[in-house]
Amino acid sequence: MTRALFIVDVQNDFTEGGALGVDGGDAVAAAITAHLARHAEEYDVIVASRDWHDGDGDNGGHFSTSPDYIDSWPVHCVAGTPGADYDPGLDTSAVTHHVKKGQGIPAYSLFEGVTDAGETVDDILTAHGVVEVDVAGIATDHCVRASALDAIAHGRRVRILTDLIAGVAPAPSQAALAELAHAGAELVATGDGDRPAADVGEGER
């Protein structure tokens, strides 16, 4: 059975000190690196996504000077800037495919991204016969949620690696994990990092 790992948006603007920094983001980067050191060979495909927004314009309403933090946000992850780079604590040497999303439009799911060669994530998974997907990254209540739901919708069996994710806020992160479990995702902790697992009963800690 072939398996993929999704590493969702572990970028400087989403970790501590970034434009939309999430508490625990750096720890997630380090924990994913530890997980890859132990388990990279277990994955046939490792896909890492990045927001890669246009520097000009509002990217289809995604950027706003008065954001609601639901559908609109402050400027972040502009293509080619340090904020769009991977967090330095994330070792990407084992990543097989890098995808960029949100170029001129809002984009949350990793499935909305493409590689520099124009491949979609569904194309990649289908080409490799992937039936199982593990999901890690940032943020639990936004892009992790959207990516995992799309993986389920595309017919893959999904595990959320609960100690390799970080959310924006506890309540919506808890709700996202409950929604994912209801949709059929399995919530599991890897034990590969020092960060405690998110708990569907308690939310992000």
C-alpha atoms as a PDB file:
ATOM      1  CA  MET A   1       0.000   0.000   0.000  1.00  0.00           C
ATOM      2  CA  THR A   2       1.498   3.341  -0.999  1.00  0.00           C
ATOM      3  CA  ARG A   3       1.506   6.273   1.394  1.00  0.00           C
ATOM      4  CA  ALA A   4       2.148  10.007   1.102  1.00  0.00           C
ATOM      5  CA  LEU A   5       3.029  12.642   3.667  1.00  0.00           C
ATOM      6  CA  PHE A   6       1.625  16.142   3.303  1.00  0.00           C
ATOM      7  CA  ILE A   7       3.620  18.941   4.953  1.00  0.00           C
ATOM      8  CA  VAL A   8       1.287  21.913   4.842  1.00  0.00           C
ATOM      9  CA  ASP A   9       2.594  25.497   4.840  1.00  0.00           C
ATOM     10  CA  VAL A  10       5.438  25.282   7.372  1.00  0.00           C
ATOM     11  CA  GLN A  11       6.633  28.753   6.407  1.00  0.00           C
ATOM     12  CA  ASN A  12       8.232  31.673   8.174  1.00  0.00           C
ATOM     13  CA  ASP A  13       5.109  33.825   8.035  1.00  0.00           C
ATOM     14  CA  PHE A  14       3.132  31.076   9.809  1.00  0.00           C
ATOM     15  CA  THR A  15       5.657  30.365  12.575  1.00  0.00           C
ATOM     16  CA  GLU A  16       6.719  32.542  15.488  1.00  0.00           C
ATOM     17  CA  GLY A  17       7.658  36.076  14.424  1.00  0.00           C
ATOM     18  CA  GLY A  18       5.905  35.829  11.060  1.00  0.00           C
ATOM     19  CA  ALA A  19       3.089  37.961   9.669  1.00  0.00           C
ATOM     20  CA  LEU A  20       0.548  35.340  10.790  1.00  0.00           C
ATOM     21  CA  GLY A  21       2.710  33.447  13.259  1.00  0.00           C
ATOM     22  CA  VAL A  22       1.100  30.507  15.055  1.00  0.00           C
ATOM     23  CA  ASP A  23       2.192  29.529  18.560  1.00  0.00           C
ATOM     24  CA  GLY A  24       4.044  26.234  18.329  1.00  0.00           C
ATOM     25  CA  GLY A  25       4.909  26.657  14.674  1.00  0.00           C
ATOM     26  CA  ASP A  26       8.658  26.345  15.166  1.00  0.00           C
ATOM     27  CA  ALA A  27       8.095  23.270  17.318  1.00  0.00           C
ATOM     28  CA  VAL A  28       6.011  21.723  14.552  1.00  0.00           C
ATOM     29  CA  ALA A  29       8.826  22.334  12.055  1.00  0.00           C
ATOM     30  CA  ALA A  30      11.296  20.588  14.368  1.00  0.00           C
ATOM     31  CA  ALA A  31       8.891  17.722  15.080  1.00  0.00           C
ATOM     32  CA  ILE A  32       8.266  17.118  11.366  1.00  0.00           C
ATOM     33  CA  THR A  33      12.027  17.074  10.800  1.00  0.00           C
ATOM     34  CA  ALA A  34      12.377  14.465  13.573  1.00  0.00           C
ATOM     35  CA  HIS A  35       9.547  12.426  12.047  1.00  0.00           C
ATOM     36  CA  LEU A  36      11.203  12.492   8.633  1.00  0.00           C
ATOM     37  CA  ALA A  37      14.533  11.404  10.124  1.00  0.00           C
ATOM     38  CA  ARG A  38      12.820   8.264  11.412  1.00  0.00           C
ATOM     39  CA  HIS A  39      10.161   7.559   8.818  1.00  0.00           C
ATOM     40  CA  ALA A  40      10.894   9.256   5.462  1.00  0.00           C
ATOM     41  CA  GLU A  41      11.556   5.894   3.813  1.00  0.00           C
ATOM     42  CA  GLU A  42       8.017   4.769   4.688  1.00  0.00           C
ATOM     43  CA  TYR A  43       6.545   7.307   2.279  1.00  0.00           C
ATOM     44  CA  ASP A  44       6.458   6.912  -1.484  1.00  0.00           C
ATOM     45  CA  VAL A  45       5.633  10.594  -1.881  1.00  0.00           C
ATOM     46  CA  ILE A  46       6.345  13.565   0.403  1.00  0.00           C
ATOM     47  CA  VAL A  47       4.587  16.757  -0.687  1.00  0.00           C
ATOM     48  CA  ALA A  48       5.318  20.132   0.916  1.00  0.00           C
ATOM     49  CA  SER A  49       3.123  23.123   0.161  1.00  0.00           C
ATOM     50  CA  ARG A  50       3.703  26.837   0.447  1.00  0.00           C
ATOM     51  CA  ASP A  51       1.451  29.835   0.145  1.00  0.00           C
ATOM     52  CA  TRP A  52       2.982  31.819  -2.699  1.00  0.00           C
ATOM     53  CA  HIS A  53       0.922  34.959  -3.077  1.00  0.00           C
ATOM     54  CA  ASP A  54       1.378  37.720  -5.615  1.00  0.00           C
ATOM     55  CA  GLY A  55       3.035  40.868  -4.298  1.00  0.00           C
ATOM     56  CA  ASP A  56       0.712  43.105  -6.333  1.00  0.00           C
ATOM     57  CA  GLY A  57      -3.026  43.254  -5.743  1.00  0.00           C
ATOM     58  CA  ASP A  58      -5.146  41.605  -3.067  1.00  0.00           C
ATOM     59  CA  ASN A  59      -4.937  38.045  -4.429  1.00  0.00           C
ATOM     60  CA  GLY A  60      -8.647  37.800  -5.104  1.00  0.00           C
ATOM     61  CA  GLY A  61      -9.633  39.419  -1.830  1.00  0.00           C
ATOM     62  CA  HIS A  62      -7.314  37.245   0.245  1.00  0.00           C
ATOM     63  CA  PHE A  63      -5.267  40.258   1.414  1.00  0.00           C
ATOM     64  CA  SER A  64      -6.950  43.125   3.215  1.00  0.00           C
ATOM     65  CA  THR A  65      -5.972  46.186   5.237  1.00  0.00           C
ATOM     66  CA  SER A  66      -8.964  45.401   7.483  1.00  0.00           C
ATOM     67  CA  PRO A  67      -8.933  41.594   7.526  1.00  0.00           C
ATOM     68  CA  ASP A  68     -11.641  39.482   9.143  1.00  0.00           C
ATOM     69  CA  TYR A  69      -9.195  36.584   9.725  1.00  0.00           C
ATOM     70  CA  ILE A  70     -11.712  34.204   8.163  1.00  0.00           C
ATOM     71  CA  ASP A  71     -11.757  35.026   4.466  1.00  0.00           C
ATOM     72  CA  SER A  72      -9.291  37.925   4.420  1.00  0.00           C
ATOM     73  CA  TRP A  73      -5.854  38.322   5.982  1.00  0.00           C
ATOM     74  CA  PRO A  74      -2.936  40.707   6.352  1.00  0.00           C
ATOM     75  CA  VAL A  75      -0.250  40.463   3.675  1.00  0.00           C
ATOM     76  CA  HIS A  76       1.702  37.210   4.081  1.00  0.00           C
ATOM     77  CA  CYS A  77       3.801  34.672   2.162  1.00  0.00           C
ATOM     78  CA  VAL A  78       4.494  36.936  -0.793  1.00  0.00           C
ATOM     79  CA  ALA A  79       6.345  35.039  -3.515  1.00  0.00           C
ATOM     80  CA  GLY A  80      10.110  35.304  -3.239  1.00  0.00           C
ATOM     81  CA  THR A  81      10.164  36.967   0.193  1.00  0.00           C
ATOM     82  CA  PRO A  82      11.627  35.479   3.399  1.00  0.00           C
ATOM     83  CA  GLY A  83       8.122  35.098   4.816  1.00  0.00           C
ATOM     84  CA  ALA A  84       7.265  32.606   2.074  1.00  0.00           C
ATOM     85  CA  ASP A  85      10.356  30.485   2.745  1.00  0.00           C
ATOM     86  CA  TYR A  86      10.136  27.251   4.683  1.00  0.00           C
ATOM     87  CA  ASP A  87      10.773  27.575   8.407  1.00  0.00           C
ATOM     88  CA  PRO A  88      14.511  26.982   8.961  1.00  0.00           C
ATOM     89  CA  GLY A  89      13.704  24.200  11.415  1.00  0.00           C
ATOM     90  CA  LEU A  90      12.093  22.135   8.658  1.00  0.00           C
ATOM     91  CA  ASP A  91      14.488  19.831   6.816  1.00  0.00           C
ATOM     92  CA  THR A  92      13.062  19.533   3.310  1.00  0.00           C
ATOM     93  CA  SER A  93      15.756  17.225   1.929  1.00  0.00           C
ATOM     94  CA  ALA A  94      13.361  14.256   1.843  1.00  0.00           C
ATOM     95  CA  VAL A  95      10.550  16.183   0.137  1.00  0.00           C
ATOM     96  CA  THR A  96       9.785  14.702  -3.277  1.00  0.00           C
ATOM     97  CA  HIS A  97       7.395  17.387  -4.528  1.00  0.00           C
ATOM     98  CA  HIS A  98       7.096  21.088  -3.680  1.00  0.00           C
ATOM     99  CA  VAL A  99       3.831  22.828  -4.518  1.00  0.00           C
ATOM    100  CA  LYS A 100       2.898  26.512  -4.474  1.00  0.00           C
ATOM    101  CA  LYS A 101      -0.637  27.775  -4.009  1.00  0.00           C
ATOM    102  CA  GLY A 102      -2.535  31.046  -3.864  1.00  0.00           C
ATOM    103  CA  GLN A 103      -0.888  32.790  -6.791  1.00  0.00           C
ATOM    104  CA  GLY A 104      -3.336  35.645  -7.291  1.00  0.00           C
ATOM    105  CA  ILE A 105      -6.256  33.810  -5.663  1.00  0.00           C
ATOM    106  CA  PRO A 106      -7.262  32.591  -2.196  1.00  0.00           C
ATOM    107  CA  ALA A 107      -6.072  29.015  -1.626  1.00  0.00           C
ATOM    108  CA  TYR A 108      -6.137  26.892   1.507  1.00  0.00           C
ATOM    109  CA  SER A 109      -5.910  23.269   0.419  1.00  0.00           C
ATOM    110  CA  LEU A 110      -2.622  21.779  -0.698  1.00  0.00           C
ATOM    111  CA  PHE A 111      -4.656  20.300  -3.586  1.00  0.00           C
ATOM    112  CA  GLU A 112      -4.994  23.827  -4.991  1.00  0.00           C
ATOM    113  CA  GLY A 113      -1.232  24.020  -5.486  1.00  0.00           C
ATOM    114  CA  VAL A 114       0.953  22.965  -8.385  1.00  0.00           C
ATOM    115  CA  THR A 115       4.615  22.121  -8.776  1.00  0.00           C
ATOM    116  CA  ASP A 116       6.880  24.347 -10.840  1.00  0.00           C
ATOM    117  CA  ALA A 117       6.401  21.767 -13.610  1.00  0.00           C
ATOM    118  CA  GLY A 118       2.623  22.236 -13.446  1.00  0.00           C
ATOM    119  CA  GLU A 119       1.712  18.951 -11.742  1.00  0.00           C
ATOM    120  CA  THR A 120      -1.267  18.936  -9.409  1.00  0.00           C
ATOM    121  CA  VAL A 121      -1.217  17.015  -6.152  1.00  0.00           C
ATOM    122  CA  ASP A 122      -3.942  14.678  -7.379  1.00  0.00           C
ATOM    123  CA  ASP A 123      -1.838  13.960 -10.481  1.00  0.00           C
ATOM    124  CA  ILE A 124       1.136  13.099  -8.259  1.00  0.00           C
ATOM    125  CA  LEU A 125      -0.847  10.830  -5.943  1.00  0.00           C
ATOM    126  CA  THR A 126      -2.526   9.041  -8.829  1.00  0.00           C
ATOM    127  CA  ALA A 127       0.761   8.523 -10.690  1.00  0.00           C
ATOM    128  CA  HIS A 128       2.261   6.861  -7.608  1.00  0.00           C
ATOM    129  CA  GLY A 129      -0.835   4.872  -6.670  1.00  0.00           C
ATOM    130  CA  VAL A 130      -1.100   6.560  -3.275  1.00  0.00           C
ATOM    131  CA  VAL A 131      -4.043   5.368  -1.194  1.00  0.00           C
ATOM    132  CA  GLU A 132      -3.024   6.577   2.275  1.00  0.00           C
ATOM    133  CA  VAL A 133      -2.063  10.111   3.294  1.00  0.00           C
ATOM    134  CA  ASP A 134      -0.563  11.429   6.531  1.00  0.00           C
ATOM    135  CA  VAL A 135      -1.080  15.143   7.138  1.00  0.00           C
ATOM    136  CA  ALA A 136       1.128  17.515   9.150  1.00  0.00           C
ATOM    137  CA  GLY A 137       1.703  21.258   9.215  1.00  0.00           C
ATOM    138  CA  ILE A 138       0.023  24.617   9.760  1.00  0.00           C
ATOM    139  CA  ALA A 139      -2.654  25.637  10.517  1.00  0.00           C
ATOM    140  CA  THR A 140      -4.943  22.976  11.941  1.00  0.00           C
ATOM    141  CA  ASP A 141      -8.049  25.131  11.586  1.00  0.00           C
ATOM    142  CA  HIS A 142      -7.332  26.368   8.063  1.00  0.00           C
ATOM    143  CA  CYS A 143      -4.943  24.822   5.529  1.00  0.00           C
ATOM    144  CA  VAL A 144      -4.404  21.498   7.339  1.00  0.00           C
ATOM    145  CA  ARG A 145      -8.176  21.094   7.619  1.00  0.00           C
ATOM    146  CA  ALA A 146      -8.780  21.986   3.948  1.00  0.00           C
ATOM    147  CA  SER A 147      -5.971  19.736   2.688  1.00  0.00           C
ATOM    148  CA  ALA A 148      -7.134  16.743   4.719  1.00  0.00           C
ATOM    149  CA  LEU A 149     -10.772  17.152   3.678  1.00  0.00           C
ATOM    150  CA  ASP A 150      -9.710  17.316   0.029  1.00  0.00           C
ATOM    151  CA  ALA A 151      -7.599  14.178   0.431  1.00  0.00           C
ATOM    152  CA  ILE A 152     -10.651  12.368   1.806  1.00  0.00           C
ATOM    153  CA  ALA A 153     -12.805  13.744  -1.022  1.00  0.00           C
ATOM    154  CA  HIS A 154     -10.231  12.398  -3.502  1.00  0.00           C
ATOM    155  CA  GLY A 155     -10.671   8.921  -2.068  1.00  0.00           C
ATOM    156  CA  ARG A 156      -7.576   8.617   0.119  1.00  0.00           C
ATOM    157  CA  ARG A 157      -7.430   7.249   3.652  1.00  0.00           C
ATOM    158  CA  VAL A 158      -6.173  10.047   5.876  1.00  0.00           C
ATOM    159  CA  ARG A 159      -4.330  10.235   9.175  1.00  0.00           C
ATOM    160  CA  ILE A 160      -3.824  13.550  10.964  1.00  0.00           C
ATOM    161  CA  LEU A 161      -0.499  13.478  12.824  1.00  0.00           C
ATOM    162  CA  THR A 162      -1.716  15.375  15.855  1.00  0.00           C
ATOM    163  CA  ASP A 163       1.675  16.195  17.358  1.00  0.00           C
ATOM    164  CA  LEU A 164       2.887  17.567  14.014  1.00  0.00           C
ATOM    165  CA  ILE A 165       0.240  20.302  13.611  1.00  0.00           C
ATOM    166  CA  ALA A 166      -0.432  23.736  15.108  1.00  0.00           C
ATOM    167  CA  GLY A 167      -3.603  25.791  14.970  1.00  0.00           C
ATOM    168  CA  VAL A 168      -4.413  29.480  15.040  1.00  0.00           C
ATOM    169  CA  ALA A 169      -6.778  29.185  18.012  1.00  0.00           C
ATOM    170  CA  PRO A 170      -7.910  26.364  20.330  1.00  0.00           C
ATOM    171  CA  ALA A 171     -11.665  26.360  19.675  1.00  0.00           C
ATOM    172  CA  PRO A 172     -11.583  26.306  15.855  1.00  0.00           C
ATOM    173  CA  SER A 173      -8.684  23.827  15.935  1.00  0.00           C
ATOM    174  CA  GLN A 174     -10.733  21.518  18.147  1.00  0.00           C
ATOM    175  CA  ALA A 175     -13.692  21.923  15.803  1.00  0.00           C
ATOM    176  CA  ALA A 176     -11.512  21.167  12.774  1.00  0.00           C
ATOM    177  CA  LEU A 177     -10.179  17.955  14.317  1.00  0.00           C
ATOM    178  CA  ALA A 178     -13.701  16.861  15.247  1.00  0.00           C
ATOM    179  CA  GLU A 179     -14.877  17.589  11.689  1.00  0.00           C
ATOM    180  CA  LEU A 180     -11.970  15.620  10.227  1.00  0.00           C
ATOM    181  CA  ALA A 181     -12.603  12.653  12.507  1.00  0.00           C
ATOM    182  CA  HIS A 182     -16.283  12.714  11.543  1.00  0.00           C
ATOM    183  CA  ALA A 183     -15.273  12.778   7.856  1.00  0.00           C
ATOM    184  CA  GLY A 184     -13.249   9.609   8.378  1.00  0.00           C
ATOM    185  CA  ALA A 185      -9.745  10.805   9.209  1.00  0.00           C
ATOM    186  CA  GLU A 186      -7.791   8.964  11.882  1.00  0.00           C
ATOM    187  CA  LEU A 187      -6.183  11.163  14.551  1.00  0.00           C
ATOM    188  CA  VAL A 188      -2.851   9.751  15.675  1.00  0.00           C
ATOM    189  CA  ALA A 189       0.223  10.996  17.520  1.00  0.00           C
ATOM    190  CA  THR A 190       3.631   9.995  16.199  1.00  0.00           C
ATOM    191  CA  GLY A 191       5.628  10.557  19.363  1.00  0.00           C
ATOM    192  CA  ASP A 192       8.515  11.784  17.204  1.00  0.00           C
ATOM    193  CA  GLY A 193       8.661  15.312  18.602  1.00  0.00           C
ATOM    194  CA  ASP A 194       8.478  17.025  21.972  1.00  0.00           C
ATOM    195  CA  ARG A 195       5.260  18.841  21.174  1.00  0.00           C
ATOM    196  CA  PRO A 196       2.105  17.388  22.811  1.00  0.00           C
ATOM    197  CA  ALA A 197      -0.555  16.072  20.486  1.00  0.00           C
ATOM    198  CA  ALA A 198      -3.648  18.091  19.739  1.00  0.00           C
ATOM    199  CA  ASP A 199      -6.624  16.500  21.417  1.00  0.00           C
ATOM    200  CA  VAL A 200     -10.060  16.419  19.879  1.00  0.00           C
ATOM    201  CA  GLY A 201     -11.560  16.782  23.339  1.00  0.00           C
ATOM    202  CA  GLU A 202      -9.384  19.635  24.540  1.00  0.00           C
ATOM    203  CA  GLY A 203      -8.300  21.379  21.342  1.00  0.00           C
ATOM    204  CA  GLU A 204      -4.821  22.625  20.643  1.00  0.00           C
ATOM    205  CA  ARG A 205      -2.673  22.924  23.745  1.00  0.00           C
END
